[in-house]
Amino acid sequence: RSGAPLSSVAAAGTLARQVAAAVAEGATLHTEGERRGAH
């Protein structure tokens, strides 16, 4: 799954903030692609 549509753009925004916070705390993110709206 290179990109998954979430229930809303707001839901994707919330997840983006959570992932960014984890990285800011020192976690490493392994991913490909970028967020596009709700994807």
All heavy atoms as atom14 arrays in JSON, in Angstrom:
{
  "sequence": "RSGAPLSSVAAAGTLARQVAAAVAEGATLHTEGERRGAH",
  "atom14_mask": [
    [1, 1, 1, 1, 1, 1, 1, 1, 1, 1, 1, 0, 0, 0],
    [1, 1, 1, 1, 1, 1, 0, 0, 0, 0, 0, 0, 0, 0],
    [1, 1, 1, 1, 0, 0, 0, 0, 0, 0, 0, 0, 0, 0],
    [1, 1, 1, 1, 1, 0, 0, 0, 0, 0, 0, 0, 0, 0],
    [1, 1, 1, 1, 1, 1, 1, 0, 0, 0, 0, 0, 0, 0],
    [1, 1, 1, 1, 1, 1, 1, 1, 0, 0, 0, 0, 0, 0],
    [1, 1, 1, 1, 1, 1, 0, 0, 0, 0, 0, 0, 0, 0],
    [1, 1, 1, 1, 1, 1, 0, 0, 0, 0, 0, 0, 0, 0],
    [1, 1, 1, 1, 1, 1, 1, 0, 0, 0, 0, 0, 0, 0],
    [1, 1, 1, 1, 1, 0, 0, 0, 0, 0, 0, 0, 0, 0],
    [1, 1, 1, 1, 1, 0, 0, 0, 0, 0, 0, 0, 0, 0],
    [1, 1, 1, 1, 1, 0, 0, 0, 0, 0, 0, 0, 0, 0],
    [1, 1, 1, 1, 0, 0, 0, 0, 0, 0, 0, 0, 0, 0],
    [1, 1, 1, 1, 1, 1, 1, 0, 0, 0, 0, 0, 0, 0],
    [1, 1, 1, 1, 1, 1, 1, 1, 0, 0, 0, 0, 0, 0],
    [1, 1, 1, 1, 1, 0, 0, 0, 0, 0, 0, 0, 0, 0],
    [1, 1, 1, 1, 1, 1, 1, 1, 1, 1, 1, 0, 0, 0],
    [1, 1, 1, 1, 1, 1, 1, 1, 1, 0, 0, 0, 0, 0],
    [1, 1, 1, 1, 1, 1, 1, 0, 0, 0, 0, 0, 0, 0],
    [1, 1, 1, 1, 1, 0, 0, 0, 0, 0, 0, 0, 0, 0],
    [1, 1, 1, 1, 1, 0, 0, 0, 0, 0, 0, 0, 0, 0],
    [1, 1, 1, 1, 1, 0, 0, 0, 0, 0, 0, 0, 0, 0],
    [1, 1, 1, 1, 1, 1, 1, 0, 0, 0, 0, 0, 0, 0],
    [1, 1, 1, 1, 1, 0, 0, 0, 0, 0, 0, 0, 0, 0],
    [1, 1, 1, 1, 1, 1, 1, 1, 1, 0, 0, 0, 0, 0],
    [1, 1, 1, 1, 0, 0, 0, 0, 0, 0, 0, 0, 0, 0],
    [1, 1, 1, 1, 1, 0, 0, 0, 0, 0, 0, 0, 0, 0],
    [1, 1, 1, 1, 1, 1, 1, 0, 0, 0, 0, 0, 0, 0],
    [1, 1, 1, 1, 1, 1, 1, 1, 0, 0, 0, 0, 0, 0],
    [1, 1, 1, 1, 1, 1, 1, 1, 1, 1, 0, 0, 0, 0],
    [1, 1, 1, 1, 1, 1, 1, 0, 0, 0, 0, 0, 0, 0],
    [1, 1, 1, 1, 1, 1, 1, 1, 1, 0, 0, 0, 0, 0],
    [1, 1, 1, 1, 0, 0, 0, 0, 0, 0, 0, 0, 0, 0],
    [1, 1, 1, 1, 1, 1, 1, 1, 1, 0, 0, 0, 0, 0],
    [1, 1, 1, 1, 1, 1, 1, 1, 1, 1, 1, 0, 0, 0],
    [1, 1, 1, 1, 1, 1, 1, 1, 1, 1, 1, 0, 0, 0],
    [1, 1, 1, 1, 0, 0, 0, 0, 0, 0, 0, 0, 0, 0],
    [1, 1, 1, 1, 1, 0, 0, 0, 0, 0, 0, 0, 0, 0],
    [1, 1, 1, 1, 1, 1, 1, 1, 1, 1, 0, 0, 0, 0]
  ],
  "atom14_positions": [
    [[0.84, -1.2, 0.0], [0.0, 0.0, 0.0], [0.87, 1.25, 0.0], [1.4, 1.64, 1.02], [-0.9, 0.0, 1.24], [-1.95, 1.08, 1.24], [-3.01, 0.82, 0.18], [-3.66, -0.46, 0.38], [-4.69, -0.64, 1.21], [-5.17, 0.36, 1.9], [-5.24, -1.84, 1.33], [0.0, 0.0, 0.0], [0.0, 0.0, 0.0], [0.0, 0.0, 0.0]],
    [[1.05, 1.87, -1.18], [1.87, 3.07, -1.25], [1.12, 4.29, -0.74], [1.72, 5.29, -0.34], [2.33, 3.31, -2.7], [1.2, 3.46, -3.54], [0.0, 0.0, 0.0], [0.0, 0.0, 0.0], [0.0, 0.0, 0.0], [0.0, 0.0, 0.0], [0.0, 0.0, 0.0], [0.0, 0.0, 0.0], [0.0, 0.0, 0.0], [0.0, 0.0, 0.0]],
    [[-0.19, 4.24, -0.75], [-0.99, 5.35, -0.24], [-2.39, 4.87, 0.05], [-2.96, 4.11, -0.73], [0.0, 0.0, 0.0], [0.0, 0.0, 0.0], [0.0, 0.0, 0.0], [0.0, 0.0, 0.0], [0.0, 0.0, 0.0], [0.0, 0.0, 0.0], [0.0, 0.0, 0.0], [0.0, 0.0, 0.0], [0.0, 0.0, 0.0], [0.0, 0.0, 0.0]],
    [[-2.95, 5.29, 1.17], [-4.26, 4.79, 1.55], [-5.21, 5.95, 1.82], [-4.85, 6.89, 2.54], [-4.15, 3.94, 2.81], [0.0, 0.0, 0.0], [0.0, 0.0, 0.0], [0.0, 0.0, 0.0], [0.0, 0.0, 0.0], [0.0, 0.0, 0.0], [0.0, 0.0, 0.0], [0.0, 0.0, 0.0], [0.0, 0.0, 0.0], [0.0, 0.0, 0.0]],
    [[-6.42, 5.93, 1.25], [-7.37, 7.01, 1.53], [-7.96, 6.83, 2.92], [-8.51, 5.78, 3.24], [-8.43, 6.82, 0.44], [-8.38, 5.37, 0.12], [-6.95, 4.96, 0.29], [0.0, 0.0, 0.0], [0.0, 0.0, 0.0], [0.0, 0.0, 0.0], [0.0, 0.0, 0.0], [0.0, 0.0, 0.0], [0.0, 0.0, 0.0], [0.0, 0.0, 0.0]],
    [[-7.84, 7.84, 3.74], [-8.43, 7.79, 5.05], [-9.85, 8.35, 5.01], [-10.33, 8.77, 3.97], [-7.57, 8.56, 6.05], [-6.11, 8.08, 6.18], [-5.42, 8.78, 7.33], [-6.05, 6.57, 6.35], [0.0, 0.0, 0.0], [0.0, 0.0, 0.0], [0.0, 0.0, 0.0], [0.0, 0.0, 0.0], [0.0, 0.0, 0.0], [0.0, 0.0, 0.0]],
    [[-10.51, 8.36, 6.13], [-11.92, 8.76, 6.17], [-12.13, 10.22, 5.8], [-13.21, 10.6, 5.37], [-12.51, 8.48, 7.55], [-11.82, 9.23, 8.55], [0.0, 0.0, 0.0], [0.0, 0.0, 0.0], [0.0, 0.0, 0.0], [0.0, 0.0, 0.0], [0.0, 0.0, 0.0], [0.0, 0.0, 0.0], [0.0, 0.0, 0.0], [0.0, 0.0, 0.0]],
    [[-11.1, 11.04, 6.0], [-11.23, 12.46, 5.69], [-9.85, 13.09, 5.61], [-8.85, 12.52, 6.06], [-12.05, 13.18, 6.77], [-11.36, 13.16, 8.01], [0.0, 0.0, 0.0], [0.0, 0.0, 0.0], [0.0, 0.0, 0.0], [0.0, 0.0, 0.0], [0.0, 0.0, 0.0], [0.0, 0.0, 0.0], [0.0, 0.0, 0.0], [0.0, 0.0, 0.0]],
    [[-9.79, 14.31, 5.07], [-8.55, 15.06, 5.03], [-8.11, 15.38, 6.46], [-6.92, 15.36, 6.78], [-8.73, 16.36, 4.22], [-7.49, 17.24, 4.33], [-9.0, 16.03, 2.75], [0.0, 0.0, 0.0], [0.0, 0.0, 0.0], [0.0, 0.0, 0.0], [0.0, 0.0, 0.0], [0.0, 0.0, 0.0], [0.0, 0.0, 0.0], [0.0, 0.0, 0.0]],
    [[-9.07, 15.65, 7.33], [-8.76, 15.95, 8.73], [-8.09, 14.76, 9.41], [-7.15, 14.92, 10.2], [-10.03, 16.34, 9.48], [0.0, 0.0, 0.0], [0.0, 0.0, 0.0], [0.0, 0.0, 0.0], [0.0, 0.0, 0.0], [0.0, 0.0, 0.0], [0.0, 0.0, 0.0], [0.0, 0.0, 0.0], [0.0, 0.0, 0.0], [0.0, 0.0, 0.0]],
    [[-8.57, 13.54, 9.11], [-7.98, 12.34, 9.7], [-6.53, 12.17, 9.24], [-5.66, 11.8, 10.03], [-8.8, 11.11, 9.32], [0.0, 0.0, 0.0], [0.0, 0.0, 0.0], [0.0, 0.0, 0.0], [0.0, 0.0, 0.0], [0.0, 0.0, 0.0], [0.0, 0.0, 0.0], [0.0, 0.0, 0.0], [0.0, 0.0, 0.0], [0.0, 0.0, 0.0]],
    [[-6.28, 12.44, 7.97], [-4.92, 12.35, 7.45], [-4.03, 13.4, 8.09], [-2.85, 13.15, 8.38], [-4.93, 12.52, 5.93], [0.0, 0.0, 0.0], [0.0, 0.0, 0.0], [0.0, 0.0, 0.0], [0.0, 0.0, 0.0], [0.0, 0.0, 0.0], [0.0, 0.0, 0.0], [0.0, 0.0, 0.0], [0.0, 0.0, 0.0], [0.0, 0.0, 0.0]],
    [[-4.58, 14.57, 8.35], [-3.82, 15.62, 9.01], [-3.44, 15.25, 10.43], [-2.32, 15.51, 10.89], [0.0, 0.0, 0.0], [0.0, 0.0, 0.0], [0.0, 0.0, 0.0], [0.0, 0.0, 0.0], [0.0, 0.0, 0.0], [0.0, 0.0, 0.0], [0.0, 0.0, 0.0], [0.0, 0.0, 0.0], [0.0, 0.0, 0.0], [0.0, 0.0, 0.0]],
    [[-4.37, 14.63, 11.14], [-4.09, 14.19, 12.5], [-2.98, 13.15, 12.52], [-2.05, 13.21, 13.34], [-5.36, 13.58, 13.14], [-6.36, 14.6, 13.25], [-5.07, 13.02, 14.52], [0.0, 0.0, 0.0], [0.0, 0.0, 0.0], [0.0, 0.0, 0.0], [0.0, 0.0, 0.0], [0.0, 0.0, 0.0], [0.0, 0.0, 0.0], [0.0, 0.0, 0.0]],
    [[-3.05, 12.18, 11.6], [-2.01, 11.15, 11.54], [-0.67, 11.77, 11.18], [0.37, 11.37, 11.73], [-2.41, 10.08, 10.52], [-1.43, 8.91, 10.35], [-1.23, 8.19, 11.68], [-1.94, 7.95, 9.29], [0.0, 0.0, 0.0], [0.0, 0.0, 0.0], [0.0, 0.0, 0.0], [0.0, 0.0, 0.0], [0.0, 0.0, 0.0], [0.0, 0.0, 0.0]],
    [[-0.67, 12.72, 10.27], [0.58, 13.39, 9.88], [1.22, 14.07, 11.08], [2.45, 14.0, 11.26], [0.3, 14.4, 8.78], [0.0, 0.0, 0.0], [0.0, 0.0, 0.0], [0.0, 0.0, 0.0], [0.0, 0.0, 0.0], [0.0, 0.0, 0.0], [0.0, 0.0, 0.0], [0.0, 0.0, 0.0], [0.0, 0.0, 0.0], [0.0, 0.0, 0.0]],
    [[0.42, 14.72, 11.91], [0.96, 15.39, 13.1], [1.52, 14.38, 14.09], [2.56, 14.61, 14.73], [-0.11, 16.25, 13.75], [-0.46, 17.51, 12.95], [-1.36, 18.44, 13.75], [-2.68, 17.88, 14.0], [-3.69, 17.98, 13.15], [-3.55, 18.61, 11.98], [-4.88, 17.46, 13.45], [0.0, 0.0, 0.0], [0.0, 0.0, 0.0], [0.0, 0.0, 0.0]],
    [[0.84, 13.24, 14.25], [1.31, 12.21, 15.18], [2.64, 11.62, 14.71], [3.56, 11.42, 15.5], [0.27, 11.09, 15.3], [-0.99, 11.5, 16.04], [-2.02, 10.39, 16.02], [-2.47, 9.95, 14.96], [-2.42, 9.93, 17.21], [0.0, 0.0, 0.0], [0.0, 0.0, 0.0], [0.0, 0.0, 0.0], [0.0, 0.0, 0.0], [0.0, 0.0, 0.0]],
    [[2.74, 11.32, 13.42], [3.98, 10.76, 12.87], [5.12, 11.76, 12.99], [6.24, 11.42, 13.38], [3.77, 10.33, 11.4], [5.09, 9.98, 10.75], [2.81, 9.15, 11.33], [0.0, 0.0, 0.0], [0.0, 0.0, 0.0], [0.0, 0.0, 0.0], [0.0, 0.0, 0.0], [0.0, 0.0, 0.0], [0.0, 0.0, 0.0], [0.0, 0.0, 0.0]],
    [[4.84, 13.02, 12.68], [5.87, 14.06, 12.78], [6.34, 14.22, 14.22], [7.54, 14.41, 14.48], [5.32, 15.39, 12.26], [0.0, 0.0, 0.0], [0.0, 0.0, 0.0], [0.0, 0.0, 0.0], [0.0, 0.0, 0.0], [0.0, 0.0, 0.0], [0.0, 0.0, 0.0], [0.0, 0.0, 0.0], [0.0, 0.0, 0.0], [0.0, 0.0, 0.0]],
    [[5.42, 14.11, 15.18], [5.79, 14.22, 16.59], [6.69, 13.07, 17.0], [7.64, 13.26, 17.77], [4.53, 14.25, 17.45], [0.0, 0.0, 0.0], [0.0, 0.0, 0.0], [0.0, 0.0, 0.0], [0.0, 0.0, 0.0], [0.0, 0.0, 0.0], [0.0, 0.0, 0.0], [0.0, 0.0, 0.0], [0.0, 0.0, 0.0], [0.0, 0.0, 0.0]],
    [[6.4, 11.87, 16.5], [7.23, 10.71, 16.82], [8.65, 10.9, 16.29], [9.64, 10.6, 16.97], [6.61, 9.44, 16.25], [0.0, 0.0, 0.0], [0.0, 0.0, 0.0], [0.0, 0.0, 0.0], [0.0, 0.0, 0.0], [0.0, 0.0, 0.0], [0.0, 0.0, 0.0], [0.0, 0.0, 0.0], [0.0, 0.0, 0.0], [0.0, 0.0, 0.0]],
    [[8.75, 11.39, 15.06], [10.07, 11.63, 14.46], [10.82, 12.71, 15.24], [12.02, 12.6, 15.48], [9.92, 12.04, 12.98], [11.26, 12.47, 12.39], [9.33, 10.87, 12.17], [0.0, 0.0, 0.0], [0.0, 0.0, 0.0], [0.0, 0.0, 0.0], [0.0, 0.0, 0.0], [0.0, 0.0, 0.0], [0.0, 0.0, 0.0], [0.0, 0.0, 0.0]],
    [[10.09, 13.73, 15.66], [10.71, 14.81, 16.44], [11.25, 14.29, 17.77], [12.23, 14.83, 18.3], [9.71, 15.93, 16.68], [0.0, 0.0, 0.0], [0.0, 0.0, 0.0], [0.0, 0.0, 0.0], [0.0, 0.0, 0.0], [0.0, 0.0, 0.0], [0.0, 0.0, 0.0], [0.0, 0.0, 0.0], [0.0, 0.0, 0.0], [0.0, 0.0, 0.0]],
    [[10.65, 13.23, 18.29], [11.1, 12.63, 19.56], [12.24, 11.64, 19.36], [12.76, 11.08, 20.32], [9.94, 11.91, 20.24], [8.93, 12.83, 20.89], [7.93, 12.04, 21.71], [7.1, 11.31, 21.11], [7.97, 12.14, 22.95], [0.0, 0.0, 0.0], [0.0, 0.0, 0.0], [0.0, 0.0, 0.0], [0.0, 0.0, 0.0], [0.0, 0.0, 0.0]],
    [[12.61, 11.4, 18.1], [13.74, 10.51, 17.84], [13.44, 9.23, 17.1], [14.34, 8.44, 16.82], [0.0, 0.0, 0.0], [0.0, 0.0, 0.0], [0.0, 0.0, 0.0], [0.0, 0.0, 0.0], [0.0, 0.0, 0.0], [0.0, 0.0, 0.0], [0.0, 0.0, 0.0], [0.0, 0.0, 0.0], [0.0, 0.0, 0.0], [0.0, 0.0, 0.0]],
    [[12.17, 8.98, 16.78], [11.82, 7.78, 16.02], [12.25, 7.94, 14.57], [12.44, 9.06, 14.08], [10.32, 7.52, 16.09], [0.0, 0.0, 0.0], [0.0, 0.0, 0.0], [0.0, 0.0, 0.0], [0.0, 0.0, 0.0], [0.0, 0.0, 0.0], [0.0, 0.0, 0.0], [0.0, 0.0, 0.0], [0.0, 0.0, 0.0], [0.0, 0.0, 0.0]],
    [[12.42, 6.83, 13.88], [12.78, 6.85, 12.46], [11.58, 6.4, 11.64], [10.96, 5.38, 11.95], [13.96, 5.89, 12.18], [15.1, 6.32, 12.95], [14.32, 5.89, 10.71], [0.0, 0.0, 0.0], [0.0, 0.0, 0.0], [0.0, 0.0, 0.0], [0.0, 0.0, 0.0], [0.0, 0.0, 0.0], [0.0, 0.0, 0.0], [0.0, 0.0, 0.0]],
    [[11.25, 7.17, 10.61], [10.12, 6.84, 9.74], [10.62, 6.25, 8.44], [11.44, 6.86, 7.75], [9.29, 8.1, 9.45], [8.16, 7.94, 8.43], [7.1, 6.97, 8.94], [7.54, 9.29, 8.09], [0.0, 0.0, 0.0], [0.0, 0.0, 0.0], [0.0, 0.0, 0.0], [0.0, 0.0, 0.0], [0.0, 0.0, 0.0], [0.0, 0.0, 0.0]],
    [[10.13, 5.06, 8.11], [10.44, 4.4, 6.84], [9.18, 4.5, 5.98], [8.16, 3.9, 6.3], [10.82, 2.94, 7.07], [11.84, 2.74, 8.14], [13.2, 2.65, 7.88], [11.71, 2.64, 9.5], [13.85, 2.47, 9.02], [12.97, 2.47, 10.01], [0.0, 0.0, 0.0], [0.0, 0.0, 0.0], [0.0, 0.0, 0.0], [0.0, 0.0, 0.0]],
    [[9.25, 5.24, 4.88], [8.07, 5.43, 4.06], [8.47, 5.79, 2.64], [9.64, 6.09, 2.37], [7.15, 6.53, 4.64], [5.91, 6.57, 3.93], [7.82, 7.9, 4.55], [0.0, 0.0, 0.0], [0.0, 0.0, 0.0], [0.0, 0.0, 0.0], [0.0, 0.0, 0.0], [0.0, 0.0, 0.0], [0.0, 0.0, 0.0], [0.0, 0.0, 0.0]],
    [[7.52, 5.77, 1.75], [7.71, 6.19, 0.37], [6.49, 7.0, -0.05], [5.37, 6.7, 0.35], [7.87, 4.99, -0.56], [9.12, 4.17, -0.31], [9.2, 2.94, -1.2], [8.21, 2.69, -1.93], [10.21, 2.23, -1.17], [0.0, 0.0, 0.0], [0.0, 0.0, 0.0], [0.0, 0.0, 0.0], [0.0, 0.0, 0.0], [0.0, 0.0, 0.0]],
    [[6.7, 8.01, -0.85], [5.58, 8.81, -1.31], [5.24, 9.92, -0.33], [5.85, 10.05, 0.74], [0.0, 0.0, 0.0], [0.0, 0.0, 0.0], [0.0, 0.0, 0.0], [0.0, 0.0, 0.0], [0.0, 0.0, 0.0], [0.0, 0.0, 0.0], [0.0, 0.0, 0.0], [0.0, 0.0, 0.0], [0.0, 0.0, 0.0], [0.0, 0.0, 0.0]],
    [[4.28, 10.72, -0.7], [3.87, 11.84, 0.12], [2.35, 11.83, 0.3], [1.62, 11.25, -0.49], [4.3, 13.16, -0.52], [5.81, 13.32, -0.68], [6.17, 14.63, -1.34], [5.24, 15.35, -1.78], [7.37, 14.93, -1.42], [0.0, 0.0, 0.0], [0.0, 0.0, 0.0], [0.0, 0.0, 0.0], [0.0, 0.0, 0.0], [0.0, 0.0, 0.0]],
    [[1.93, 12.5, 1.35], [0.49, 12.63, 1.6], [-0.15, 13.5, 0.53], [0.39, 14.53, 0.14], [0.27, 13.26, 2.98], [-1.2, 13.53, 3.27], [-1.38, 14.4, 4.48], [-2.7, 15.0, 4.49], [-3.05, 16.03, 5.23], [-2.16, 16.6, 6.02], [-4.27, 16.51, 5.17], [0.0, 0.0, 0.0], [0.0, 0.0, 0.0], [0.0, 0.0, 0.0]],
    [[-1.32, 13.05, 0.05], [-2.1, 13.82, -0.93], [-3.53, 13.88, -0.43], [-4.28, 12.92, -0.58], [-2.04, 13.17, -2.31], [-0.68, 13.21, -2.97], [-0.65, 12.48, -4.3], [-0.79, 11.03, -4.13], [-1.91, 10.36, -4.39], [-2.99, 11.0, -4.82], [-1.94, 9.05, -4.22], [0.0, 0.0, 0.0], [0.0, 0.0, 0.0], [0.0, 0.0, 0.0]],
    [[-3.9, 14.98, 0.19], [-5.25, 15.1, 0.71], [-5.51, 14.05, 1.78], [-4.82, 13.97, 2.78], [0.0, 0.0, 0.0], [0.0, 0.0, 0.0], [0.0, 0.0, 0.0], [0.0, 0.0, 0.0], [0.0, 0.0, 0.0], [0.0, 0.0, 0.0], [0.0, 0.0, 0.0], [0.0, 0.0, 0.0], [0.0, 0.0, 0.0], [0.0, 0.0, 0.0]],
    [[-6.52, 13.21, 1.52], [-6.86, 12.16, 2.48], [-6.04, 10.89, 2.26], [-6.16, 9.94, 3.02], [-8.35, 11.82, 2.37], [0.0, 0.0, 0.0], [0.0, 0.0, 0.0], [0.0, 0.0, 0.0], [0.0, 0.0, 0.0], [0.0, 0.0, 0.0], [0.0, 0.0, 0.0], [0.0, 0.0, 0.0], [0.0, 0.0, 0.0], [0.0, 0.0, 0.0]],
    [[-5.2, 10.87, 1.24], [-4.35, 9.71, 0.98], [-3.06, 9.84, 1.78], [-2.34, 10.83, 1.67], [-4.01, 9.6, -0.51], [-5.17, 9.18, -1.35], [-5.3, 7.91, -1.86], [-6.27, 9.86, -1.75], [-6.42, 7.82, -2.55], [-7.02, 8.98, -2.49], [0.0, 0.0, 0.0], [0.0, 0.0, 0.0], [0.0, 0.0, 0.0], [0.0, 0.0, 0.0]]
  ]
}
